[in-house]
Amino acid sequence: MSVQVVIDVAGDGGLSAAASGDAATVLADAFDTAREALSTLPPGGGILFRCQETDAPALTGALTSLCRGLAREAAPLGVRVNAVIGKSDVDELVAFLGSPAATMCTGAVLETV
């Protein structure tokens, strides 16, 4: 199994959080953590954003953009960046995305119900 850094993204991501800047603060923290991890991960490693706030459209939409943008930046370094969004147990998806079976998967945002 390759090295995978899991970053939990949680907080209010509704319209009021977007308007007040709270959602931006949560995403900025996740971005800072991901950039720090990116500087230390070896090729073949991965960053996974895990968000269980599915009723937070501002947060999940922005997280999708963050994931895909960072995946483009990390690809030349051989590092994968993905996200899992959902209320149900996501441990199996986290394990899959950290396994050799997912080495070609980057920029993916997987949603569970």
PDB file of N, CA and C in Angstrom:
ATOM      1  N   MET A   1       0.854  -1.181   0.000  1.00  0.00           N
ATOM      2  CA  MET A   1       0.000   0.000   0.000  1.00  0.00           C
ATOM      3  C   MET A   1       0.894   1.236   0.000  1.00  0.00           C
ATOM      4  N   SER A   2       0.544   2.200  -0.825  1.00  0.00           N
ATOM      5  CA  SER A   2       1.315   3.431  -0.893  1.00  0.00           C
ATOM      6  C   SER A   2       0.918   4.378   0.243  1.00  0.00           C
ATOM      7  N   VAL A   3       1.713   5.402   0.424  1.00  0.00           N
ATOM      8  CA  VAL A   3       1.447   6.397   1.461  1.00  0.00           C
ATOM      9  C   VAL A   3       0.271   7.262   1.025  1.00  0.00           C
ATOM     10  N   GLN A   4      -0.707   7.385   1.894  1.00  0.00           N
ATOM     11  CA  GLN A   4      -1.867   8.228   1.604  1.00  0.00           C
ATOM     12  C   GLN A   4      -2.157   9.111   2.812  1.00  0.00           C
ATOM     13  N   VAL A   5      -2.294  10.384   2.571  1.00  0.00           N
ATOM     14  CA  VAL A   5      -2.647  11.337   3.617  1.00  0.00           C
ATOM     15  C   VAL A   5      -4.138  11.623   3.492  1.00  0.00           C
ATOM     16  N   VAL A   6      -4.875  11.372   4.566  1.00  0.00           N
ATOM     17  CA  VAL A   6      -6.315  11.617   4.578  1.00  0.00           C
ATOM     18  C   VAL A   6      -6.573  12.920   5.323  1.00  0.00           C
ATOM     19  N   ILE A   7      -7.267  13.837   4.656  1.00  0.00           N
ATOM     20  CA  ILE A   7      -7.566  15.143   5.233  1.00  0.00           C
ATOM     21  C   ILE A   7      -9.074  15.241   5.425  1.00  0.00           C
ATOM     22  N   ASP A   8      -9.505  15.322   6.672  1.00  0.00           N
ATOM     23  CA  ASP A   8     -10.929  15.469   6.956  1.00  0.00           C
ATOM     24  C   ASP A   8     -11.340  16.920   6.759  1.00  0.00           C
ATOM     25  N   VAL A   9     -12.403  17.104   6.002  1.00  0.00           N
ATOM     26  CA  VAL A   9     -12.946  18.430   5.735  1.00  0.00           C
ATOM     27  C   VAL A   9     -14.340  18.455   6.347  1.00  0.00           C
ATOM     28  N   ALA A  10     -14.533  19.267   7.366  1.00  0.00           N
ATOM     29  CA  ALA A  10     -15.815  19.298   8.051  1.00  0.00           C
ATOM     30  C   ALA A  10     -16.138  20.718   8.465  1.00  0.00           C
ATOM     31  N   GLY A  11     -17.408  21.003   8.489  1.00  0.00           N
ATOM     32  CA  GLY A  11     -17.869  22.315   8.916  1.00  0.00           C
ATOM     33  C   GLY A  11     -19.149  22.652   8.197  1.00  0.00           C
ATOM     34  N   ASP A  12     -19.742  23.727   8.591  1.00  0.00           N
ATOM     35  CA  ASP A  12     -20.970  24.183   7.954  1.00  0.00           C
ATOM     36  C   ASP A  12     -20.627  24.658   6.553  1.00  0.00           C
ATOM     37  N   GLY A  13     -21.302  24.131   5.579  1.00  0.00           N
ATOM     38  CA  GLY A  13     -21.036  24.520   4.204  1.00  0.00           C
ATOM     39  C   GLY A  13     -22.284  24.981   3.490  1.00  0.00           C
ATOM     40  N   GLY A  14     -23.263  25.410   4.268  1.00  0.00           N
ATOM     41  CA  GLY A  14     -24.486  25.926   3.663  1.00  0.00           C
ATOM     42  C   GLY A  14     -24.280  27.336   3.134  1.00  0.00           C
ATOM     43  N   LEU A  15     -25.343  27.934   2.680  1.00  0.00           N
ATOM     44  CA  LEU A  15     -25.258  29.275   2.096  1.00  0.00           C
ATOM     45  C   LEU A  15     -24.792  30.321   3.102  1.00  0.00           C
ATOM     46  N   SER A  16     -25.221  30.194   4.353  1.00  0.00           N
ATOM     47  CA  SER A  16     -24.788  31.175   5.350  1.00  0.00           C
ATOM     48  C   SER A  16     -23.286  31.060   5.611  1.00  0.00           C
ATOM     49  N   ALA A  17     -22.750  29.829   5.593  1.00  0.00           N
ATOM     50  CA  ALA A  17     -21.307  29.642   5.788  1.00  0.00           C
ATOM     51  C   ALA A  17     -20.535  30.203   4.605  1.00  0.00           C
ATOM     52  N   ALA A  18     -21.096  30.063   3.416  1.00  0.00           N
ATOM     53  CA  ALA A  18     -20.433  30.625   2.237  1.00  0.00           C
ATOM     54  C   ALA A  18     -20.426  32.142   2.313  1.00  0.00           C
ATOM     55  N   ALA A  19     -21.540  32.721   2.739  1.00  0.00           N
ATOM     56  CA  ALA A  19     -21.643  34.177   2.811  1.00  0.00           C
ATOM     57  C   ALA A  19     -20.752  34.759   3.912  1.00  0.00           C
ATOM     58  N   SER A  20     -20.599  34.044   5.012  1.00  0.00           N
ATOM     59  CA  SER A  20     -19.813  34.561   6.128  1.00  0.00           C
ATOM     60  C   SER A  20     -18.318  34.295   5.973  1.00  0.00           C
ATOM     61  N   GLY A  21     -17.963  33.408   5.057  1.00  0.00           N
ATOM     62  CA  GLY A  21     -16.560  33.076   4.867  1.00  0.00           C
ATOM     63  C   GLY A  21     -16.119  31.847   5.648  1.00  0.00           C
ATOM     64  N   ASP A  22     -17.019  31.246   6.422  1.00  0.00           N
ATOM     65  CA  ASP A  22     -16.657  30.063   7.205  1.00  0.00           C
ATOM     66  C   ASP A  22     -16.254  28.895   6.311  1.00  0.00           C
ATOM     67  N   ALA A  23     -16.970  28.714   5.208  1.00  0.00           N
ATOM     68  CA  ALA A  23     -16.629  27.622   4.295  1.00  0.00           C
ATOM     69  C   ALA A  23     -15.256  27.850   3.676  1.00  0.00           C
ATOM     70  N   ALA A  24     -14.934  29.084   3.377  1.00  0.00           N
ATOM     71  CA  ALA A  24     -13.619  29.404   2.814  1.00  0.00           C
ATOM     72  C   ALA A  24     -12.510  29.100   3.812  1.00  0.00           C
ATOM     73  N   THR A  25     -12.755  29.358   5.080  1.00  0.00           N
ATOM     74  CA  THR A  25     -11.765  29.062   6.114  1.00  0.00           C
ATOM     75  C   THR A  25     -11.507  27.565   6.207  1.00  0.00           C
ATOM     76  N   VAL A  26     -12.565  26.767   6.171  1.00  0.00           N
ATOM     77  CA  VAL A  26     -12.427  25.309   6.222  1.00  0.00           C
ATOM     78  C   VAL A  26     -11.612  24.822   5.024  1.00  0.00           C
ATOM     79  N   LEU A  27     -11.922  25.342   3.841  1.00  0.00           N
ATOM     80  CA  LEU A  27     -11.197  24.919   2.643  1.00  0.00           C
ATOM     81  C   LEU A  27      -9.756  25.401   2.645  1.00  0.00           C
ATOM     82  N   ALA A  28      -9.510  26.584   3.156  1.00  0.00           N
ATOM     83  CA  ALA A  28      -8.134  27.086   3.235  1.00  0.00           C
ATOM     84  C   ALA A  28      -7.292  26.203   4.143  1.00  0.00           C
ATOM     85  N   ASP A  29      -7.869  25.759   5.251  1.00  0.00           N
ATOM     86  CA  ASP A  29      -7.152  24.846   6.144  1.00  0.00           C
ATOM     87  C   ASP A  29      -6.846  23.519   5.440  1.00  0.00           C
ATOM     88  N   ALA A  30      -7.825  22.994   4.706  1.00  0.00           N
ATOM     89  CA  ALA A  30      -7.619  21.741   3.971  1.00  0.00           C
ATOM     90  C   ALA A  30      -6.553  21.923   2.896  1.00  0.00           C
ATOM     91  N   PHE A  31      -6.576  23.054   2.212  1.00  0.00           N
ATOM     92  CA  PHE A  31      -5.590  23.340   1.170  1.00  0.00           C
ATOM     93  C   PHE A  31      -4.183  23.431   1.758  1.00  0.00           C
ATOM     94  N   ASP A  32      -4.048  24.126   2.878  1.00  0.00           N
ATOM     95  CA  ASP A  32      -2.733  24.245   3.526  1.00  0.00           C
ATOM     96  C   ASP A  32      -2.192  22.877   3.935  1.00  0.00           C
ATOM     97  N   THR A  33      -3.056  22.045   4.490  1.00  0.00           N
ATOM     98  CA  THR A  33      -2.636  20.705   4.898  1.00  0.00           C
ATOM     99  C   THR A  33      -2.220  19.879   3.684  1.00  0.00           C
ATOM    100  N   ALA A  34      -2.980  19.993   2.606  1.00  0.00           N
ATOM    101  CA  ALA A  34      -2.662  19.247   1.390  1.00  0.00           C
ATOM    102  C   ALA A  34      -1.353  19.717   0.772  1.00  0.00           C
ATOM    103  N   ARG A  35      -1.113  21.012   0.726  1.00  0.00           N
ATOM    104  CA  ARG A  35       0.140  21.528   0.163  1.00  0.00           C
ATOM    105  C   ARG A  35       1.339  21.079   0.988  1.00  0.00           C
ATOM    106  N   GLU A  36       1.178  21.050   2.297  1.00  0.00           N
ATOM    107  CA  GLU A  36       2.254  20.571   3.168  1.00  0.00           C
ATOM    108  C   GLU A  36       2.525  19.092   2.905  1.00  0.00           C
ATOM    109  N   ALA A  37       1.464  18.298   2.775  1.00  0.00           N
ATOM    110  CA  ALA A  37       1.621  16.869   2.498  1.00  0.00           C
ATOM    111  C   ALA A  37       2.244  16.650   1.123  1.00  0.00           C
ATOM    112  N   LEU A  38       1.869  17.455   0.169  1.00  0.00           N
ATOM    113  CA  LEU A  38       2.386  17.316  -1.186  1.00  0.00           C
ATOM    114  C   LEU A  38       3.897  17.488  -1.235  1.00  0.00           C
ATOM    115  N   SER A  39       4.416  18.326  -0.369  1.00  0.00           N
ATOM    116  CA  SER A  39       5.861  18.562  -0.363  1.00  0.00           C
ATOM    117  C   SER A  39       6.648  17.389   0.228  1.00  0.00           C
ATOM    118  N   THR A  40       5.972  16.479   0.915  1.00  0.00           N
ATOM    119  CA  THR A  40       6.671  15.366   1.554  1.00  0.00           C
ATOM    120  C   THR A  40       6.327  13.997   0.973  1.00  0.00           C
ATOM    121  N   LEU A  41       5.270  13.904   0.196  1.00  0.00           N
ATOM    122  CA  LEU A  41       4.848  12.603  -0.320  1.00  0.00           C
ATOM    123  C   LEU A  41       5.759  12.124  -1.445  1.00  0.00           C
ATOM    124  N   PRO A  42       6.065  10.831  -1.456  1.00  0.00           N
ATOM    125  CA  PRO A  42       6.866  10.275  -2.543  1.00  0.00           C
ATOM    126  C   PRO A  42       5.985  10.025  -3.767  1.00  0.00           C
ATOM    127  N   PRO A  43       6.578   9.853  -4.941  1.00  0.00           N
ATOM    128  CA  PRO A  43       5.790   9.453  -6.105  1.00  0.00           C
ATOM    129  C   PRO A  43       5.020   8.166  -5.789  1.00  0.00           C
ATOM    130  N   GLY A  44       3.787   8.110  -6.219  1.00  0.00           N
ATOM    131  CA  GLY A  44       2.929   6.972  -5.905  1.00  0.00           C
ATOM    132  C   GLY A  44       2.069   7.219  -4.686  1.00  0.00           C
ATOM    133  N   GLY A  45       2.346   8.282  -3.956  1.00  0.00           N
ATOM    134  CA  GLY A  45       1.564   8.614  -2.772  1.00  0.00           C
ATOM    135  C   GLY A  45       0.248   9.270  -3.159  1.00  0.00           C
ATOM    136  N   GLY A  46      -0.553   9.556  -2.168  1.00  0.00           N
ATOM    137  CA  GLY A  46      -1.854  10.153  -2.450  1.00  0.00           C
ATOM    138  C   GLY A  46      -2.347  11.051  -1.335  1.00  0.00           C
ATOM    139  N   ILE A  47      -3.193  11.974  -1.736  1.00  0.00           N
ATOM    140  CA  ILE A  47      -3.903  12.853  -0.806  1.00  0.00           C
ATOM    141  C   ILE A  47      -5.379  12.573  -1.008  1.00  0.00           C
ATOM    142  N   LEU A  48      -6.086  12.374   0.079  1.00  0.00           N
ATOM    143  CA  LEU A  48      -7.517  12.107  -0.001  1.00  0.00           C
ATOM    144  C   LEU A  48      -8.261  13.068   0.916  1.00  0.00           C
ATOM    145  N   PHE A  49      -9.154  13.837   0.333  1.00  0.00           N
ATOM    146  CA  PHE A  49     -10.044  14.693   1.113  1.00  0.00           C
ATOM    147  C   PHE A  49     -11.272  13.858   1.463  1.00  0.00           C
ATOM    148  N   ARG A  50     -11.630  13.828   2.759  1.00  0.00           N
ATOM    149  CA  ARG A  50     -12.806  13.092   3.209  1.00  0.00           C
ATOM    150  C   ARG A  50     -13.780  14.089   3.818  1.00  0.00           C
ATOM    151  N   CYS A  51     -14.952  14.186   3.212  1.00  0.00           N
ATOM    152  CA  CYS A  51     -15.973  15.135   3.675  1.00  0.00           C
ATOM    153  C   CYS A  51     -17.276  14.384   3.889  1.00  0.00           C
ATOM    154  N   GLN A  52     -17.803  14.476   5.082  1.00  0.00           N
ATOM    155  CA  GLN A  52     -19.066  13.815   5.369  1.00  0.00           C
ATOM    156  C   GLN A  52     -20.192  14.830   5.574  1.00  0.00           C
ATOM    157  N   GLU A  53     -20.023  16.005   4.999  1.00  0.00           N
ATOM    158  CA  GLU A  53     -21.025  17.071   5.090  1.00  0.00           C
ATOM    159  C   GLU A  53     -21.777  17.156   3.762  1.00  0.00           C
ATOM    160  N   THR A  54     -22.600  16.157   3.455  1.00  0.00           N
ATOM    161  CA  THR A  54     -23.241  16.125   2.149  1.00  0.00           C
ATOM    162  C   THR A  54     -24.363  17.141   1.996  1.00  0.00           C
ATOM    163  N   ASP A  55     -24.817  17.729   3.080  1.00  0.00           N
ATOM    164  CA  ASP A  55     -25.860  18.746   3.000  1.00  0.00           C
ATOM    165  C   ASP A  55     -25.253  20.144   2.973  1.00  0.00           C
ATOM    166  N   ALA A  56     -24.049  20.242   2.488  1.00  0.00           N
ATOM    167  CA  ALA A  56     -23.314  21.496   2.471  1.00  0.00           C
ATOM    168  C   ALA A  56     -22.865  21.787   1.033  1.00  0.00           C
ATOM    169  N   PRO A  57     -23.771  22.295   0.189  1.00  0.00           N
ATOM    170  CA  PRO A  57     -23.440  22.449  -1.230  1.00  0.00           C
ATOM    171  C   PRO A  57     -22.258  23.376  -1.488  1.00  0.00           C
ATOM    172  N   ALA A  58     -22.107  24.426  -0.711  1.00  0.00           N
ATOM    173  CA  ALA A  58     -20.979  25.338  -0.927  1.00  0.00           C
ATOM    174  C   ALA A  58     -19.660  24.636  -0.621  1.00  0.00           C
ATOM    175  N   LEU A  59     -19.637  23.860   0.431  1.00  0.00           N
ATOM    176  CA  LEU A  59     -18.422  23.160   0.838  1.00  0.00           C
ATOM    177  C   LEU A  59     -18.073  22.044  -0.134  1.00  0.00           C
ATOM    178  N   THR A  60     -19.036  21.220  -0.491  1.00  0.00           N
ATOM    179  CA  THR A  60     -18.740  20.093  -1.378  1.00  0.00           C
ATOM    180  C   THR A  60     -18.413  20.559  -2.788  1.00  0.00           C
ATOM    181  N   GLY A  61     -19.060  21.595  -3.256  1.00  0.00           N
ATOM    182  CA  GLY A  61     -18.740  22.121  -4.584  1.00  0.00           C
ATOM    183  C   GLY A  61     -17.336  22.700  -4.645  1.00  0.00           C
ATOM    184  N   ALA A  62     -16.970  23.454  -3.646  1.00  0.00           N
ATOM    185  CA  ALA A  62     -15.626  24.026  -3.601  1.00  0.00           C
ATOM    186  C   ALA A  62     -14.574  22.942  -3.392  1.00  0.00           C
ATOM    187  N   LEU A  63     -14.894  21.920  -2.611  1.00  0.00           N
ATOM    188  CA  LEU A  63     -13.964  20.816  -2.390  1.00  0.00           C
ATOM    189  C   LEU A  63     -13.705  20.057  -3.693  1.00  0.00           C
ATOM    190  N   THR A  64     -14.732  19.909  -4.503  1.00  0.00           N
ATOM    191  CA  THR A  64     -14.574  19.264  -5.806  1.00  0.00           C
ATOM    192  C   THR A  64     -13.583  20.036  -6.667  1.00  0.00           C
ATOM    193  N   SER A  65     -13.729  21.340  -6.710  1.00  0.00           N
ATOM    194  CA  SER A  65     -12.796  22.171  -7.488  1.00  0.00           C
ATOM    195  C   SER A  65     -11.386  22.105  -6.921  1.00  0.00           C
ATOM    196  N   LEU A  66     -11.260  22.152  -5.605  1.00  0.00           N
ATOM    197  CA  LEU A  66      -9.953  22.063  -4.959  1.00  0.00           C
ATOM    198  C   LEU A  66      -9.277  20.737  -5.295  1.00  0.00           C
ATOM    199  N   CYS A  67     -10.015  19.658  -5.198  1.00  0.00           N
ATOM    200  CA  CYS A  67      -9.478  18.332  -5.475  1.00  0.00           C
ATOM    201  C   CYS A  67      -8.964  18.243  -6.909  1.00  0.00           C
ATOM    202  N   ARG A  68      -9.758  18.670  -7.851  1.00  0.00           N
ATOM    203  CA  ARG A  68      -9.370  18.541  -9.262  1.00  0.00           C
ATOM    204  C   ARG A  68      -8.214  19.472  -9.623  1.00  0.00           C
ATOM    205  N   GLY A  69      -8.203  20.666  -9.065  1.00  0.00           N
ATOM    206  CA  GLY A  69      -7.095  21.581  -9.330  1.00  0.00           C
ATOM    207  C   GLY A  69      -5.788  21.086  -8.741  1.00  0.00           C
ATOM    208  N   LEU A  70      -5.847  20.607  -7.517  1.00  0.00           N
ATOM    209  CA  LEU A  70      -4.640  20.091  -6.865  1.00  0.00           C
ATOM    210  C   LEU A  70      -4.160  18.803  -7.547  1.00  0.00           C
ATOM    211  N   ALA A  71      -5.096  18.020  -8.074  1.00  0.00           N
ATOM    212  CA  ALA A  71      -4.709  16.794  -8.793  1.00  0.00           C
ATOM    213  C   ALA A  71      -3.883  17.140 -10.031  1.00  0.00           C
ATOM    214  N   ARG A  72      -4.264  18.192 -10.743  1.00  0.00           N
ATOM    215  CA  ARG A  72      -3.479  18.625 -11.911  1.00  0.00           C
ATOM    216  C   ARG A  72      -2.089  19.087 -11.490  1.00  0.00           C
ATOM    217  N   GLU A  73      -1.996  19.765 -10.369  1.00  0.00           N
ATOM    218  CA  GLU A  73      -0.709  20.249  -9.880  1.00  0.00           C
ATOM    219  C   GLU A  73       0.181  19.105  -9.400  1.00  0.00           C
ATOM    220  N   ALA A  74      -0.425  18.099  -8.789  1.00  0.00           N
ATOM    221  CA  ALA A  74       0.347  17.009  -8.196  1.00  0.00           C
ATOM    222  C   ALA A  74       0.702  15.908  -9.192  1.00  0.00           C
ATOM    223  N   ALA A  75       0.023  15.833 -10.308  1.00  0.00           N
ATOM    224  CA  ALA A  75       0.245  14.751 -11.275  1.00  0.00           C
ATOM    225  C   ALA A  75       1.696  14.655 -11.748  1.00  0.00           C
ATOM    226  N   PRO A  76       2.373  15.754 -12.093  1.00  0.00           N
ATOM    227  CA  PRO A  76       3.761  15.627 -12.523  1.00  0.00           C
ATOM    228  C   PRO A  76       4.696  15.079 -11.432  1.00  0.00           C
ATOM    229  N   LEU A  77       4.270  15.180 -10.181  1.00  0.00           N
ATOM    230  CA  LEU A  77       5.063  14.653  -9.069  1.00  0.00           C
ATOM    231  C   LEU A  77       4.756  13.184  -8.795  1.00  0.00           C
ATOM    232  N   GLY A  78       3.769  12.634  -9.517  1.00  0.00           N
ATOM    233  CA  GLY A  78       3.379  11.244  -9.302  1.00  0.00           C
ATOM    234  C   GLY A  78       2.502  11.041  -8.086  1.00  0.00           C
ATOM    235  N   VAL A  79       1.858  12.103  -7.619  1.00  0.00           N
ATOM    236  CA  VAL A  79       0.999  12.039  -6.431  1.00  0.00           C
ATOM    237  C   VAL A  79      -0.455  12.173  -6.871  1.00  0.00           C
ATOM    238  N   ARG A  80      -1.294  11.297  -6.342  1.00  0.00           N
ATOM    239  CA  ARG A  80      -2.723  11.313  -6.658  1.00  0.00           C
ATOM    240  C   ARG A  80      -3.480  12.164  -5.637  1.00  0.00           C
ATOM    241  N   VAL A  81      -4.533  12.829  -6.083  1.00  0.00           N
ATOM    242  CA  VAL A  81      -5.396  13.614  -5.195  1.00  0.00           C
ATOM    243  C   VAL A  81      -6.840  13.249  -5.529  1.00  0.00           C
ATOM    244  N   ASN A  82      -7.587  12.793  -4.523  1.00  0.00           N
ATOM    245  CA  ASN A  82      -8.980  12.398  -4.707  1.00  0.00           C
ATOM    246  C   ASN A  82      -9.801  12.887  -3.522  1.00  0.00           C
ATOM    247  N   ALA A  83     -11.110  12.750  -3.649  1.00  0.00           N
ATOM    248  CA  ALA A  83     -12.010  13.141  -2.559  1.00  0.00           C
ATOM    249  C   ALA A  83     -13.148  12.138  -2.442  1.00  0.00           C
ATOM    250  N   VAL A  84     -13.615  11.960  -1.219  1.00  0.00           N
ATOM    251  CA  VAL A  84     -14.782  11.130  -0.942  1.00  0.00           C
ATOM    252  C   VAL A  84     -15.763  12.002  -0.168  1.00  0.00           C
ATOM    253  N   ILE A  85     -16.986  12.044  -0.670  1.00  0.00           N
ATOM    254  CA  ILE A  85     -18.031  12.837  -0.032  1.00  0.00           C
ATOM    255  C   ILE A  85     -19.202  11.902   0.242  1.00  0.00           C
ATOM    256  N   GLY A  86     -19.689  11.885   1.474  1.00  0.00           N
ATOM    257  CA  GLY A  86     -20.845  11.047   1.755  1.00  0.00           C
ATOM    258  C   GLY A  86     -21.128  10.882   3.215  1.00  0.00           C
ATOM    259  N   LYS A  87     -22.374  10.539   3.510  1.00  0.00           N
ATOM    260  CA  LYS A  87     -22.798  10.348   4.899  1.00  0.00           C
ATOM    261  C   LYS A  87     -22.525   8.939   5.394  1.00  0.00           C
ATOM    262  N   SER A  88     -22.501   7.993   4.488  1.00  0.00           N
ATOM    263  CA  SER A  88     -22.320   6.606   4.919  1.00  0.00           C
ATOM    264  C   SER A  88     -20.853   6.323   5.225  1.00  0.00           C
ATOM    265  N   ASP A  89     -20.594   5.122   5.678  1.00  0.00           N
ATOM    266  CA  ASP A  89     -19.239   4.701   6.012  1.00  0.00           C
ATOM    267  C   ASP A  89     -18.395   4.708   4.743  1.00  0.00           C
ATOM    268  N   VAL A  90     -17.325   5.458   4.755  1.00  0.00           N
ATOM    269  CA  VAL A  90     -16.491   5.609   3.558  1.00  0.00           C
ATOM    270  C   VAL A  90     -15.141   4.914   3.706  1.00  0.00           C
ATOM    271  N   ASP A  91     -14.979   4.109   4.740  1.00  0.00           N
ATOM    272  CA  ASP A  91     -13.693   3.464   4.989  1.00  0.00           C
ATOM    273  C   ASP A  91     -13.243   2.567   3.831  1.00  0.00           C
ATOM    274  N   GLU A  92     -14.181   1.874   3.190  1.00  0.00           N
ATOM    275  CA  GLU A  92     -13.812   1.010   2.074  1.00  0.00           C
ATOM    276  C   GLU A  92     -13.311   1.834   0.891  1.00  0.00           C
ATOM    277  N   LEU A  93     -13.941   2.967   0.632  1.00  0.00           N
ATOM    278  CA  LEU A  93     -13.474   3.835  -0.455  1.00  0.00           C
ATOM    279  C   LEU A  93     -12.102   4.416  -0.140  1.00  0.00           C
ATOM    280  N   VAL A  94     -11.906   4.794   1.103  1.00  0.00           N
ATOM    281  CA  VAL A  94     -10.602   5.322   1.520  1.00  0.00           C
ATOM    282  C   VAL A  94      -9.527   4.257   1.314  1.00  0.00           C
ATOM    283  N   ALA A  95      -9.830   3.026   1.700  1.00  0.00           N
ATOM    284  CA  ALA A  95      -8.871   1.936   1.525  1.00  0.00           C
ATOM    285  C   ALA A  95      -8.610   1.674   0.046  1.00  0.00           C
ATOM    286  N   PHE A  96      -9.653   1.689  -0.768  1.00  0.00           N
ATOM    287  CA  PHE A  96      -9.477   1.468  -2.200  1.00  0.00           C
ATOM    288  C   PHE A  96      -8.592   2.540  -2.821  1.00  0.00           C
ATOM    289  N   LEU A  97      -8.863   3.794  -2.505  1.00  0.00           N
ATOM    290  CA  LEU A  97      -8.099   4.887  -3.106  1.00  0.00           C
ATOM    291  C   LEU A  97      -6.646   4.909  -2.647  1.00  0.00           C
ATOM    292  N   GLY A  98      -6.336   4.245  -1.553  1.00  0.00           N
ATOM    293  CA  GLY A  98      -4.964   4.137  -1.085  1.00  0.00           C
ATOM    294  C   GLY A  98      -4.268   2.872  -1.555  1.00  0.00           C
ATOM    295  N   SER A  99      -4.979   2.047  -2.311  1.00  0.00           N
ATOM    296  CA  SER A  99      -4.424   0.767  -2.746  1.00  0.00           C
ATOM    297  C   SER A  99      -3.806   0.859  -4.140  1.00  0.00           C
ATOM    298  N   PRO A 100      -3.009  -0.133  -4.507  1.00  0.00           N
ATOM    299  CA  PRO A 100      -2.430  -0.163  -5.853  1.00  0.00           C
ATOM    300  C   PRO A 100      -3.485  -0.213  -6.959  1.00  0.00           C
ATOM    301  N   ALA A 101      -4.679  -0.685  -6.645  1.00  0.00           N
ATOM    302  CA  ALA A 101      -5.743  -0.751  -7.645  1.00  0.00           C
ATOM    303  C   ALA A 101      -6.180   0.634  -8.131  1.00  0.00           C
ATOM    304  N   ALA A 102      -5.882   1.661  -7.354  1.00  0.00           N
ATOM    305  CA  ALA A 102      -6.318   3.014  -7.701  1.00  0.00           C
ATOM    306  C   ALA A 102      -5.170   3.894  -8.172  1.00  0.00           C
ATOM    307  N   THR A 103      -4.087   3.288  -8.621  1.00  0.00           N
ATOM    308  CA  THR A 103      -2.924   4.096  -9.004  1.00  0.00           C
ATOM    309  C   THR A 103      -3.197   5.020 -10.179  1.00  0.00           C
ATOM    310  N   MET A 104      -4.166   4.713 -10.997  1.00  0.00           N
ATOM    311  CA  MET A 104      -4.489   5.568 -12.142  1.00  0.00           C
ATOM    312  C   MET A 104      -5.638   6.529 -11.854  1.00  0.00           C
ATOM    313  N   CYS A 105      -6.079   6.577 -10.624  1.00  0.00           N
ATOM    314  CA  CYS A 105      -7.230   7.392 -10.246  1.00  0.00           C
ATOM    315  C   CYS A 105      -6.751   8.673  -9.561  1.00  0.00           C
ATOM    316  N   THR A 106      -6.940   9.787 -10.221  1.00  0.00           N
ATOM    317  CA  THR A 106      -6.613  11.075  -9.600  1.00  0.00           C
ATOM    318  C   THR A 106      -7.611  12.116 -10.085  1.00  0.00           C
ATOM    319  N   GLY A 107      -7.947  13.036  -9.218  1.00  0.00           N
ATOM    320  CA  GLY A 107      -8.936  14.058  -9.544  1.00  0.00           C
ATOM    321  C   GLY A 107     -10.359  13.559  -9.407  1.00  0.00           C
ATOM    322  N   ALA A 108     -10.535  12.379  -8.851  1.00  0.00           N
ATOM    323  CA  ALA A 108     -11.874  11.796  -8.702  1.00  0.00           C
ATOM    324  C   ALA A 108     -12.535  12.282  -7.428  1.00  0.00           C
ATOM    325  N   VAL A 109     -13.823  12.548  -7.535  1.00  0.00           N
ATOM    326  CA  VAL A 109     -14.637  12.899  -6.374  1.00  0.00           C
ATOM    327  C   VAL A 109     -15.738  11.866  -6.306  1.00  0.00           C
ATOM    328  N   LEU A 110     -15.642  10.962  -5.340  1.00  0.00           N
ATOM    329  CA  LEU A 110     -16.600   9.881  -5.197  1.00  0.00           C
ATOM    330  C   LEU A 110     -17.613  10.245  -4.132  1.00  0.00           C
ATOM    331  N   GLU A 111     -18.892  10.091  -4.469  1.00  0.00           N
ATOM    332  CA  GLU A 111     -19.959  10.425  -3.528  1.00  0.00           C
ATOM    333  C   GLU A 111     -20.714   9.169  -3.155  1.00  0.00           C
ATOM    334  N   THR A 112     -20.957   8.996  -1.863  1.00  0.00           N
ATOM    335  CA  THR A 112     -21.750   7.885  -1.379  1.00  0.00           C
ATOM    336  C   THR A 112     -23.112   8.420  -0.941  1.00  0.00           C
ATOM    337  N   VAL A 113     -24.048   7.523  -0.822  1.00  0.00           N
ATOM    338  CA  VAL A 113     -25.390   7.944  -0.392  1.00  0.00           C
ATOM    339  C   VAL A 113     -25.692   7.432   0.984  1.00  0.00           C
TER     340      VAL A 113
END
